[in-house]
């Protein structure tokens, strides 16, 4: 079995194909010049829940996936209505120079596997961000991306990081709108506010 370039595991053809499909979806919406790279840990396991898997019928997405989509889009200052047209929102996201990428390009089973993969792939992530994506700013999202913050500082990119109190933007209540409101954990508006004056 070949080794997957996206996660380093031995993978069958279906695994390799699904990674290629995810990357192709993202490339459709990649801006020519990335102003803001939103960098998350890994994609969701369900293809329908992928950020760039735009759908007209939002019920095919899980509830946390819909909330995640909305929060990431809000980070670009895009107003999200209940009947948001995902494709239009992604086009606007691209026009504003925003792009979402994952450090590990394949789904992981749990936080432990993701953390181990992040450590293993950190040098690859650094090179991909520096030489391929070349963003003006990097917004780490999710607990696992905290592993990369120190490394960005070591390569001289610390001033490009947009952080939440020194760490990545995290929402432990993603998909639970009541708890998000109670504890003010929704990160979309917080990211947009942190980017004010930078773009």
N, C-alpha and C. Protein backbone atom coordinates (compact mmCIF):
# COMPACT_ATOMS: atom_id res chain seq x y z
N UNK A 1 0.83 -1.19 0.00
CA UNK A 1 0.00 0.00 0.00
C UNK A 1 0.88 1.25 0.00
N UNK A 2 0.47 2.27 -0.77
CA UNK A 2 1.24 3.52 -0.79
C UNK A 2 1.05 4.32 0.50
N UNK A 3 1.96 5.25 0.75
CA UNK A 3 1.85 6.14 1.91
C UNK A 3 1.20 7.43 1.44
N UNK A 4 0.19 7.89 2.17
CA UNK A 4 -0.53 9.12 1.82
C UNK A 4 0.33 10.34 2.16
N UNK A 5 0.45 11.26 1.20
CA UNK A 5 1.21 12.50 1.41
C UNK A 5 0.51 13.45 2.38
N UNK A 6 -0.79 13.25 2.58
CA UNK A 6 -1.56 14.17 3.42
C UNK A 6 -1.55 13.84 4.89
N UNK A 7 -1.30 12.54 5.22
CA UNK A 7 -1.34 12.16 6.64
C UNK A 7 -0.23 11.20 7.03
N UNK A 8 0.48 10.65 6.05
CA UNK A 8 1.61 9.77 6.36
C UNK A 8 1.24 8.34 6.66
N UNK A 9 -0.05 7.99 6.55
CA UNK A 9 -0.45 6.62 6.84
C UNK A 9 -0.43 5.77 5.56
N UNK A 10 -0.35 4.46 5.74
CA UNK A 10 -0.50 3.55 4.60
C UNK A 10 -1.95 3.61 4.19
N UNK A 11 -2.20 3.82 2.91
CA UNK A 11 -3.56 4.12 2.48
C UNK A 11 -3.94 3.36 1.22
N UNK A 12 -5.23 3.05 1.13
CA UNK A 12 -5.73 2.40 -0.09
C UNK A 12 -6.12 3.46 -1.11
N UNK A 13 -6.56 3.02 -2.27
CA UNK A 13 -6.91 3.94 -3.35
C UNK A 13 -8.03 4.90 -2.97
N UNK A 14 -9.01 4.39 -2.22
CA UNK A 14 -10.15 5.23 -1.82
C UNK A 14 -9.68 6.39 -0.94
N UNK A 15 -8.75 6.13 -0.03
CA UNK A 15 -8.20 7.16 0.86
C UNK A 15 -7.47 8.23 0.03
N UNK A 16 -6.63 7.79 -0.89
CA UNK A 16 -5.87 8.71 -1.74
C UNK A 16 -6.82 9.55 -2.59
N UNK A 17 -7.85 8.89 -3.14
CA UNK A 17 -8.83 9.58 -3.99
C UNK A 17 -9.62 10.63 -3.20
N UNK A 18 -10.04 10.28 -1.97
CA UNK A 18 -10.83 11.24 -1.18
C UNK A 18 -9.99 12.45 -0.80
N UNK A 19 -8.70 12.25 -0.52
CA UNK A 19 -7.82 13.40 -0.24
C UNK A 19 -7.71 14.29 -1.47
N UNK A 20 -7.52 13.68 -2.64
CA UNK A 20 -7.41 14.46 -3.88
C UNK A 20 -8.69 15.24 -4.14
N UNK A 21 -9.85 14.66 -3.86
CA UNK A 21 -11.12 15.35 -4.06
C UNK A 21 -11.25 16.54 -3.11
N UNK A 22 -10.84 16.36 -1.85
CA UNK A 22 -10.89 17.47 -0.88
C UNK A 22 -9.99 18.62 -1.34
N UNK A 23 -8.78 18.29 -1.77
CA UNK A 23 -7.85 19.33 -2.22
C UNK A 23 -8.38 20.05 -3.45
N UNK A 24 -8.99 19.30 -4.36
CA UNK A 24 -9.54 19.90 -5.58
C UNK A 24 -10.68 20.86 -5.26
N UNK A 25 -11.54 20.49 -4.30
CA UNK A 25 -12.62 21.39 -3.88
C UNK A 25 -12.05 22.70 -3.34
N UNK A 26 -11.02 22.60 -2.51
CA UNK A 26 -10.40 23.79 -1.94
C UNK A 26 -9.75 24.67 -3.00
N UNK A 27 -9.10 24.05 -3.98
CA UNK A 27 -8.42 24.81 -5.03
C UNK A 27 -9.38 25.66 -5.84
N UNK A 28 -10.63 25.24 -5.95
CA UNK A 28 -11.64 26.04 -6.69
C UNK A 28 -11.82 27.41 -6.06
N UNK A 29 -11.62 27.47 -4.76
CA UNK A 29 -11.88 28.72 -4.04
C UNK A 29 -10.61 29.38 -3.51
N UNK A 30 -9.47 28.93 -3.97
CA UNK A 30 -8.21 29.51 -3.48
C UNK A 30 -7.93 30.84 -4.17
N UNK A 31 -7.73 31.90 -3.38
CA UNK A 31 -7.40 33.20 -3.99
C UNK A 31 -6.01 33.19 -4.60
N UNK A 32 -5.78 34.06 -5.56
CA UNK A 32 -4.46 34.17 -6.18
C UNK A 32 -3.43 34.57 -5.14
N UNK A 33 -3.76 35.58 -4.34
CA UNK A 33 -2.91 36.00 -3.22
C UNK A 33 -3.69 35.79 -1.94
N UNK A 34 -3.19 34.93 -1.07
CA UNK A 34 -3.88 34.65 0.19
C UNK A 34 -3.50 35.72 1.21
N UNK A 35 -4.50 36.52 1.59
CA UNK A 35 -4.27 37.52 2.63
C UNK A 35 -4.32 36.88 4.01
N UNK A 36 -5.36 36.04 4.21
CA UNK A 36 -5.54 35.39 5.51
C UNK A 36 -5.70 33.89 5.31
N UNK A 37 -4.78 33.14 5.89
CA UNK A 37 -4.86 31.69 5.90
C UNK A 37 -5.46 31.27 7.24
N UNK A 38 -6.63 30.66 7.19
CA UNK A 38 -7.23 30.07 8.38
C UNK A 38 -6.71 28.64 8.41
N UNK A 39 -5.94 28.30 9.42
CA UNK A 39 -5.26 27.01 9.47
C UNK A 39 -5.84 26.16 10.59
N UNK A 40 -6.49 25.07 10.21
CA UNK A 40 -7.10 24.15 11.17
C UNK A 40 -6.28 22.87 11.23
N UNK A 41 -6.65 21.97 12.12
CA UNK A 41 -5.91 20.73 12.31
C UNK A 41 -6.09 19.72 11.19
N UNK A 42 -7.32 19.22 11.03
CA UNK A 42 -7.60 18.23 9.98
C UNK A 42 -9.05 18.36 9.54
N UNK A 43 -9.38 17.85 8.35
CA UNK A 43 -10.75 17.94 7.86
C UNK A 43 -11.67 16.95 8.60
N UNK A 44 -12.97 17.17 8.52
CA UNK A 44 -13.91 16.22 9.15
C UNK A 44 -13.92 14.90 8.39
N UNK A 45 -14.38 13.86 9.06
CA UNK A 45 -14.37 12.53 8.43
C UNK A 45 -15.45 12.40 7.35
N UNK A 46 -16.57 13.08 7.51
CA UNK A 46 -17.64 13.02 6.49
C UNK A 46 -17.35 14.03 5.38
N UNK A 47 -17.31 13.57 4.14
CA UNK A 47 -17.04 14.45 3.00
C UNK A 47 -18.05 15.60 2.93
N UNK A 48 -19.30 15.33 3.30
CA UNK A 48 -20.35 16.35 3.24
C UNK A 48 -20.11 17.49 4.23
N UNK A 49 -19.29 17.23 5.24
CA UNK A 49 -19.02 18.25 6.26
C UNK A 49 -17.82 19.12 5.95
N UNK A 50 -17.12 18.83 4.85
CA UNK A 50 -15.95 19.62 4.48
C UNK A 50 -16.32 21.07 4.21
N UNK A 51 -15.49 21.99 4.64
CA UNK A 51 -15.78 23.42 4.48
C UNK A 51 -16.07 23.79 3.03
N UNK A 52 -15.28 23.29 2.10
CA UNK A 52 -15.45 23.65 0.69
C UNK A 52 -16.46 22.77 -0.05
N UNK A 53 -17.13 21.88 0.65
CA UNK A 53 -18.16 21.04 0.03
C UNK A 53 -19.49 21.80 0.03
N UNK A 54 -19.54 22.87 -0.75
CA UNK A 54 -20.73 23.74 -0.77
C UNK A 54 -21.97 22.95 -1.18
N UNK A 55 -23.05 23.22 -0.49
CA UNK A 55 -24.30 22.52 -0.77
C UNK A 55 -25.47 23.50 -0.74
N UNK A 56 -26.48 23.22 -1.55
CA UNK A 56 -27.70 24.05 -1.52
C UNK A 56 -28.60 23.62 -0.36
N UNK A 57 -28.55 22.34 -0.04
CA UNK A 57 -29.37 21.79 1.04
C UNK A 57 -28.49 21.57 2.27
N UNK A 58 -28.50 22.52 3.17
CA UNK A 58 -27.58 22.51 4.31
C UNK A 58 -27.82 21.37 5.29
N UNK A 59 -28.98 20.73 5.20
CA UNK A 59 -29.26 19.64 6.14
C UNK A 59 -28.38 18.41 5.89
N UNK A 60 -27.69 18.35 4.74
CA UNK A 60 -26.77 17.23 4.51
C UNK A 60 -25.54 17.37 5.40
N UNK A 61 -25.27 18.58 5.86
CA UNK A 61 -24.16 18.80 6.80
C UNK A 61 -24.62 18.48 8.22
N UNK A 62 -23.68 18.06 9.05
CA UNK A 62 -24.00 17.89 10.47
C UNK A 62 -24.16 19.29 11.09
N UNK A 63 -24.80 19.36 12.24
CA UNK A 63 -25.02 20.65 12.91
C UNK A 63 -23.68 21.33 13.24
N UNK A 64 -22.70 20.61 13.82
CA UNK A 64 -21.40 21.29 14.07
C UNK A 64 -20.73 21.77 12.78
N UNK A 65 -20.90 21.03 11.70
CA UNK A 65 -20.30 21.42 10.42
C UNK A 65 -20.93 22.71 9.89
N UNK A 66 -22.25 22.84 10.02
CA UNK A 66 -22.91 24.09 9.60
C UNK A 66 -22.42 25.26 10.44
N UNK A 67 -22.31 25.03 11.75
CA UNK A 67 -21.83 26.10 12.64
C UNK A 67 -20.39 26.48 12.29
N UNK A 68 -19.56 25.47 12.01
CA UNK A 68 -18.16 25.72 11.65
C UNK A 68 -18.09 26.53 10.36
N UNK A 69 -18.85 26.13 9.35
CA UNK A 69 -18.88 26.87 8.08
C UNK A 69 -19.22 28.34 8.34
N UNK A 70 -20.29 28.56 9.10
CA UNK A 70 -20.74 29.92 9.38
C UNK A 70 -19.68 30.74 10.11
N UNK A 71 -19.03 30.14 11.10
CA UNK A 71 -18.01 30.87 11.87
C UNK A 71 -16.80 31.23 11.02
N UNK A 72 -16.35 30.29 10.17
CA UNK A 72 -15.19 30.58 9.32
C UNK A 72 -15.52 31.69 8.32
N UNK A 73 -16.72 31.65 7.76
CA UNK A 73 -17.14 32.68 6.81
C UNK A 73 -17.27 34.04 7.51
N UNK A 74 -17.79 34.02 8.73
CA UNK A 74 -17.91 35.28 9.51
C UNK A 74 -16.54 35.90 9.77
N UNK A 75 -15.51 35.06 9.87
CA UNK A 75 -14.16 35.56 10.12
C UNK A 75 -13.72 36.54 9.03
N UNK A 76 -14.27 36.36 7.83
CA UNK A 76 -13.95 37.26 6.71
C UNK A 76 -14.86 38.47 6.68
N UNK A 77 -15.71 38.62 7.70
CA UNK A 77 -16.61 39.76 7.75
C UNK A 77 -17.85 39.58 6.89
N UNK A 78 -18.15 38.35 6.53
CA UNK A 78 -19.32 38.05 5.69
C UNK A 78 -20.51 37.79 6.61
N UNK A 79 -21.63 38.46 6.33
CA UNK A 79 -22.84 38.28 7.12
C UNK A 79 -23.48 36.95 6.71
N UNK A 80 -23.78 36.13 7.69
CA UNK A 80 -24.36 34.81 7.42
C UNK A 80 -25.82 34.81 7.86
N UNK A 81 -26.71 34.60 6.88
CA UNK A 81 -28.15 34.52 7.16
C UNK A 81 -28.52 33.05 7.31
N UNK A 82 -29.68 32.75 7.91
CA UNK A 82 -30.09 31.35 8.06
C UNK A 82 -30.15 30.59 6.72
N UNK A 83 -30.52 31.27 5.66
CA UNK A 83 -30.62 30.62 4.34
C UNK A 83 -29.40 30.97 3.48
N UNK A 84 -28.22 30.94 4.08
CA UNK A 84 -27.00 31.31 3.36
C UNK A 84 -26.78 30.40 2.15
N UNK A 85 -26.38 31.01 1.03
CA UNK A 85 -25.98 30.25 -0.15
C UNK A 85 -24.49 29.97 -0.01
N UNK A 86 -24.15 28.74 0.29
CA UNK A 86 -22.77 28.42 0.62
C UNK A 86 -21.81 28.74 -0.52
N UNK A 87 -22.19 28.42 -1.74
CA UNK A 87 -21.30 28.69 -2.87
C UNK A 87 -21.00 30.19 -2.99
N UNK A 88 -22.02 31.02 -2.85
CA UNK A 88 -21.83 32.48 -2.92
C UNK A 88 -20.95 32.96 -1.77
N UNK A 89 -21.16 32.39 -0.58
CA UNK A 89 -20.34 32.78 0.57
C UNK A 89 -18.88 32.41 0.34
N UNK A 90 -18.63 31.25 -0.26
CA UNK A 90 -17.26 30.82 -0.54
C UNK A 90 -16.60 31.69 -1.60
N UNK A 91 -17.37 32.13 -2.59
CA UNK A 91 -16.83 33.03 -3.61
C UNK A 91 -16.43 34.35 -2.96
N UNK A 92 -17.27 34.87 -2.08
CA UNK A 92 -16.95 36.12 -1.39
C UNK A 92 -15.74 35.94 -0.46
N UNK A 93 -15.67 34.80 0.21
CA UNK A 93 -14.55 34.45 1.08
C UNK A 93 -13.24 34.52 0.28
N UNK A 94 -13.27 33.94 -0.92
CA UNK A 94 -12.09 33.96 -1.80
C UNK A 94 -11.77 35.38 -2.24
N UNK A 95 -12.79 36.14 -2.64
CA UNK A 95 -12.56 37.52 -3.11
C UNK A 95 -11.91 38.38 -2.04
N UNK A 96 -12.20 38.09 -0.79
CA UNK A 96 -11.61 38.85 0.31
C UNK A 96 -10.19 38.37 0.64
N UNK A 97 -9.72 37.35 -0.09
CA UNK A 97 -8.36 36.86 0.11
C UNK A 97 -8.20 35.84 1.21
N UNK A 98 -9.30 35.20 1.65
CA UNK A 98 -9.26 34.22 2.72
C UNK A 98 -9.19 32.81 2.14
N UNK A 99 -8.49 31.93 2.86
CA UNK A 99 -8.40 30.54 2.45
C UNK A 99 -8.27 29.67 3.69
N UNK A 100 -9.01 28.56 3.72
CA UNK A 100 -8.93 27.60 4.82
C UNK A 100 -8.10 26.41 4.36
N UNK A 101 -7.12 26.03 5.16
CA UNK A 101 -6.31 24.84 4.89
C UNK A 101 -6.19 24.04 6.18
N UNK A 102 -5.86 22.77 6.01
CA UNK A 102 -5.66 21.89 7.17
C UNK A 102 -4.20 21.47 7.25
N UNK A 103 -3.67 21.43 8.44
CA UNK A 103 -2.29 21.02 8.66
C UNK A 103 -2.09 19.57 8.24
N UNK A 104 -2.98 18.71 8.68
CA UNK A 104 -3.01 17.30 8.27
C UNK A 104 -4.18 17.21 7.30
N UNK A 105 -3.92 16.76 6.09
CA UNK A 105 -4.92 16.86 5.03
C UNK A 105 -5.95 15.74 5.00
N UNK A 106 -5.88 14.81 5.95
CA UNK A 106 -6.83 13.70 6.02
C UNK A 106 -7.45 13.67 7.41
N UNK A 107 -8.68 13.15 7.52
CA UNK A 107 -9.32 13.07 8.84
C UNK A 107 -8.51 12.22 9.81
N UNK A 108 -8.57 12.57 11.09
CA UNK A 108 -7.88 11.82 12.14
C UNK A 108 -8.91 11.26 13.11
N UNK A 109 -8.58 10.13 13.72
CA UNK A 109 -9.46 9.52 14.72
C UNK A 109 -9.07 10.04 16.10
N UNK A 110 -9.69 11.11 16.51
CA UNK A 110 -9.48 11.63 17.86
C UNK A 110 -8.30 12.59 17.97
N UNK A 111 -8.29 13.29 19.12
CA UNK A 111 -7.28 14.32 19.38
C UNK A 111 -5.87 13.75 19.48
N UNK A 112 -5.74 12.55 20.05
CA UNK A 112 -4.42 11.95 20.20
C UNK A 112 -3.75 11.71 18.85
N UNK A 113 -4.50 11.13 17.92
CA UNK A 113 -3.95 10.88 16.58
C UNK A 113 -3.64 12.18 15.87
N UNK A 114 -4.52 13.17 16.03
CA UNK A 114 -4.30 14.46 15.40
C UNK A 114 -3.03 15.13 15.94
N UNK A 115 -2.86 15.11 17.25
CA UNK A 115 -1.67 15.71 17.86
C UNK A 115 -0.39 15.03 17.37
N UNK A 116 -0.41 13.69 17.31
CA UNK A 116 0.76 12.95 16.83
C UNK A 116 1.04 13.28 15.37
N UNK A 117 -0.01 13.37 14.56
CA UNK A 117 0.16 13.71 13.14
C UNK A 117 0.67 15.13 12.97
N UNK A 118 0.18 16.04 13.80
CA UNK A 118 0.63 17.44 13.74
C UNK A 118 2.12 17.53 14.02
N UNK A 119 2.58 16.80 15.02
CA UNK A 119 4.01 16.83 15.36
C UNK A 119 4.85 16.26 14.22
N UNK A 120 4.36 15.17 13.64
CA UNK A 120 5.08 14.52 12.54
C UNK A 120 5.10 15.40 11.29
N UNK A 121 4.01 16.11 11.04
CA UNK A 121 3.88 16.89 9.81
C UNK A 121 4.28 18.35 9.96
N UNK A 122 4.67 18.78 11.14
CA UNK A 122 4.99 20.20 11.37
C UNK A 122 5.99 20.76 10.36
N UNK A 123 7.11 20.08 10.05
CA UNK A 123 8.03 20.65 9.06
C UNK A 123 7.40 20.80 7.68
N UNK A 124 6.56 19.84 7.30
CA UNK A 124 5.87 19.91 6.01
C UNK A 124 4.89 21.08 5.98
N UNK A 125 4.16 21.26 7.09
CA UNK A 125 3.20 22.37 7.20
C UNK A 125 3.93 23.70 7.06
N UNK A 126 5.04 23.85 7.76
CA UNK A 126 5.81 25.09 7.69
C UNK A 126 6.22 25.40 6.24
N UNK A 127 6.74 24.40 5.55
CA UNK A 127 7.17 24.61 4.16
C UNK A 127 5.99 24.93 3.25
N UNK A 128 4.89 24.23 3.44
CA UNK A 128 3.72 24.48 2.60
C UNK A 128 3.20 25.90 2.79
N UNK A 129 3.16 26.34 4.05
CA UNK A 129 2.67 27.70 4.33
C UNK A 129 3.66 28.74 3.79
N UNK A 130 4.94 28.55 4.05
CA UNK A 130 5.96 29.52 3.61
C UNK A 130 6.10 29.63 2.10
N UNK A 131 6.18 28.49 1.43
CA UNK A 131 6.57 28.50 0.03
C UNK A 131 5.44 28.29 -0.97
N UNK A 132 4.35 27.68 -0.53
CA UNK A 132 3.24 27.44 -1.46
C UNK A 132 2.08 28.41 -1.20
N UNK A 133 1.63 28.49 0.04
CA UNK A 133 0.46 29.33 0.34
C UNK A 133 0.84 30.81 0.50
N UNK A 134 1.95 31.10 1.14
CA UNK A 134 2.49 32.45 1.31
C UNK A 134 1.45 33.50 1.74
N UNK A 135 0.76 33.26 2.85
CA UNK A 135 -0.26 34.22 3.29
C UNK A 135 0.35 35.45 3.96
N UNK A 136 -0.42 36.51 3.98
CA UNK A 136 0.00 37.70 4.73
C UNK A 136 -0.18 37.47 6.23
N UNK A 137 -1.28 36.78 6.60
CA UNK A 137 -1.58 36.48 8.00
C UNK A 137 -2.07 35.04 8.13
N UNK A 138 -1.81 34.47 9.31
CA UNK A 138 -2.21 33.10 9.61
C UNK A 138 -3.07 33.12 10.87
N UNK A 139 -4.25 32.51 10.77
CA UNK A 139 -5.16 32.42 11.92
C UNK A 139 -5.29 30.94 12.29
N UNK A 140 -4.59 30.48 13.34
CA UNK A 140 -4.74 29.09 13.77
C UNK A 140 -6.09 28.89 14.45
N UNK A 141 -6.76 27.78 14.09
CA UNK A 141 -8.07 27.46 14.64
C UNK A 141 -8.03 26.03 15.18
N UNK A 142 -8.53 25.83 16.38
CA UNK A 142 -8.57 24.49 16.98
C UNK A 142 -7.35 24.24 17.86
N UNK A 143 -7.56 23.47 18.90
CA UNK A 143 -6.53 23.21 19.91
C UNK A 143 -5.24 22.66 19.30
N UNK A 144 -5.36 21.75 18.35
CA UNK A 144 -4.17 21.07 17.79
C UNK A 144 -3.21 22.04 17.11
N UNK A 145 -3.70 23.12 16.55
CA UNK A 145 -2.80 24.06 15.85
C UNK A 145 -1.91 24.83 16.81
N UNK A 146 -2.18 24.75 18.10
CA UNK A 146 -1.31 25.36 19.09
C UNK A 146 0.11 24.82 18.99
N UNK A 147 0.23 23.58 18.49
CA UNK A 147 1.55 22.95 18.29
C UNK A 147 2.42 23.76 17.32
N UNK A 148 1.79 24.50 16.41
CA UNK A 148 2.53 25.18 15.35
C UNK A 148 2.94 26.61 15.68
N UNK A 149 2.32 27.20 16.68
CA UNK A 149 2.55 28.62 16.97
C UNK A 149 4.02 28.92 17.24
N UNK A 150 4.64 28.12 18.10
CA UNK A 150 6.07 28.31 18.42
C UNK A 150 6.93 28.15 17.17
N UNK A 151 6.58 27.18 16.32
CA UNK A 151 7.36 26.93 15.10
C UNK A 151 7.29 28.11 14.13
N UNK A 152 6.11 28.72 14.02
CA UNK A 152 6.00 29.91 13.16
C UNK A 152 6.90 31.03 13.69
N UNK A 153 6.97 31.14 15.00
CA UNK A 153 7.87 32.13 15.60
C UNK A 153 9.33 31.84 15.28
N UNK A 154 9.70 30.56 15.30
CA UNK A 154 11.08 30.16 15.05
C UNK A 154 11.52 30.42 13.61
N UNK A 155 10.57 30.41 12.65
CA UNK A 155 10.94 30.68 11.26
C UNK A 155 10.78 32.17 10.92
N UNK A 156 10.50 32.98 11.94
CA UNK A 156 10.38 34.42 11.71
C UNK A 156 9.02 34.88 11.24
N UNK A 157 8.02 34.02 11.40
CA UNK A 157 6.67 34.38 10.96
C UNK A 157 5.73 34.68 12.12
N UNK A 158 6.28 34.88 13.30
CA UNK A 158 5.44 35.17 14.46
C UNK A 158 4.58 36.40 14.29
N UNK A 159 5.09 37.41 13.56
CA UNK A 159 4.32 38.64 13.36
C UNK A 159 3.16 38.45 12.39
N UNK A 160 3.11 37.33 11.71
CA UNK A 160 1.99 37.05 10.79
C UNK A 160 0.84 36.31 11.48
N UNK A 161 1.08 35.85 12.70
CA UNK A 161 0.06 35.09 13.42
C UNK A 161 -0.98 36.03 14.03
N UNK A 162 -2.23 35.66 13.89
CA UNK A 162 -3.33 36.38 14.54
C UNK A 162 -3.90 35.39 15.55
N UNK A 163 -3.70 35.71 16.84
CA UNK A 163 -4.00 34.74 17.90
C UNK A 163 -5.10 35.24 18.83
N UNK A 164 -5.61 34.31 19.61
CA UNK A 164 -6.61 34.61 20.62
C UNK A 164 -5.96 34.40 21.98
N UNK A 165 -5.57 35.49 22.63
CA UNK A 165 -4.88 35.44 23.92
C UNK A 165 -3.65 34.53 23.86
N UNK A 166 -2.89 34.66 22.77
CA UNK A 166 -1.64 33.92 22.64
C UNK A 166 -1.77 32.51 22.10
N UNK A 167 -2.98 32.08 21.80
CA UNK A 167 -3.19 30.72 21.30
C UNK A 167 -4.13 30.71 20.11
N UNK A 168 -4.49 29.51 19.65
CA UNK A 168 -5.41 29.40 18.52
C UNK A 168 -6.84 29.77 18.94
N UNK A 169 -7.66 30.10 17.97
CA UNK A 169 -9.07 30.35 18.23
C UNK A 169 -9.77 28.99 18.38
N UNK A 170 -10.48 28.83 19.50
CA UNK A 170 -11.12 27.55 19.81
C UNK A 170 -12.54 27.82 20.27
N UNK A 171 -13.46 26.96 19.85
CA UNK A 171 -14.83 27.03 20.34
C UNK A 171 -15.26 25.65 20.82
N UNK A 172 -15.22 25.41 22.14
CA UNK A 172 -15.60 24.09 22.66
C UNK A 172 -17.09 23.78 22.51
N UNK A 173 -17.90 24.80 22.20
CA UNK A 173 -19.35 24.62 22.09
C UNK A 173 -19.85 24.76 20.67
N UNK A 174 -18.99 24.53 19.69
CA UNK A 174 -19.37 24.67 18.29
C UNK A 174 -20.59 23.80 17.98
N UNK A 175 -21.63 24.40 17.45
CA UNK A 175 -22.86 23.68 17.14
C UNK A 175 -23.92 23.80 18.21
N UNK A 176 -23.57 24.33 19.38
CA UNK A 176 -24.54 24.53 20.46
C UNK A 176 -24.70 26.04 20.65
N UNK A 177 -25.63 26.62 19.88
CA UNK A 177 -25.77 28.08 19.84
C UNK A 177 -26.09 28.68 21.22
N UNK A 178 -26.80 27.95 22.05
CA UNK A 178 -27.14 28.48 23.37
C UNK A 178 -25.88 28.63 24.24
N UNK A 179 -25.05 27.59 24.25
CA UNK A 179 -23.81 27.67 25.04
C UNK A 179 -22.83 28.67 24.42
N UNK A 180 -22.79 28.73 23.09
CA UNK A 180 -21.92 29.72 22.44
C UNK A 180 -22.28 31.12 22.90
N UNK A 181 -23.58 31.41 22.94
CA UNK A 181 -24.03 32.74 23.36
C UNK A 181 -23.74 32.97 24.84
N UNK A 182 -23.99 31.96 25.66
CA UNK A 182 -23.77 32.09 27.11
C UNK A 182 -22.31 32.35 27.44
N UNK A 183 -21.40 31.59 26.80
CA UNK A 183 -19.98 31.68 27.13
C UNK A 183 -19.17 32.51 26.13
N UNK A 184 -19.85 33.07 25.11
CA UNK A 184 -19.21 33.92 24.09
C UNK A 184 -18.00 33.23 23.47
N UNK A 185 -18.22 31.99 22.97
CA UNK A 185 -17.11 31.20 22.43
C UNK A 185 -17.07 31.20 20.90
N UNK A 186 -18.12 31.68 20.23
CA UNK A 186 -18.12 31.68 18.77
C UNK A 186 -16.93 32.49 18.28
N UNK A 187 -16.12 31.91 17.38
CA UNK A 187 -14.86 32.56 17.03
C UNK A 187 -14.90 33.40 15.76
N UNK A 188 -15.92 33.29 14.94
CA UNK A 188 -15.96 34.04 13.68
C UNK A 188 -15.83 35.54 13.86
N UNK A 189 -16.66 36.09 14.71
CA UNK A 189 -16.63 37.54 14.94
C UNK A 189 -15.35 37.96 15.67
N UNK A 190 -14.84 37.09 16.54
CA UNK A 190 -13.59 37.40 17.26
C UNK A 190 -12.41 37.46 16.29
N UNK A 191 -12.40 36.55 15.31
CA UNK A 191 -11.32 36.58 14.31
C UNK A 191 -11.43 37.84 13.47
N UNK A 192 -12.67 38.16 13.03
CA UNK A 192 -12.87 39.37 12.21
C UNK A 192 -12.41 40.60 12.97
N UNK A 193 -12.72 40.66 14.26
CA UNK A 193 -12.31 41.81 15.07
C UNK A 193 -10.78 41.87 15.20
N UNK A 194 -10.14 40.70 15.39
CA UNK A 194 -8.69 40.66 15.52
C UNK A 194 -7.98 41.08 14.24
N UNK A 195 -8.65 40.89 13.11
CA UNK A 195 -8.06 41.26 11.82
C UNK A 195 -8.29 42.72 11.44
N UNK A 196 -9.16 43.40 12.19
CA UNK A 196 -9.45 44.81 11.88
C UNK A 196 -8.15 45.62 11.89
N UNK A 197 -7.98 46.44 10.89
CA UNK A 197 -6.80 47.28 10.81
C UNK A 197 -5.58 46.60 10.19
N UNK A 198 -5.64 45.28 10.01
CA UNK A 198 -4.53 44.57 9.40
C UNK A 198 -4.68 44.42 7.89
N UNK A 199 -5.95 44.39 7.44
CA UNK A 199 -6.21 44.16 6.01
C UNK A 199 -6.55 45.44 5.28
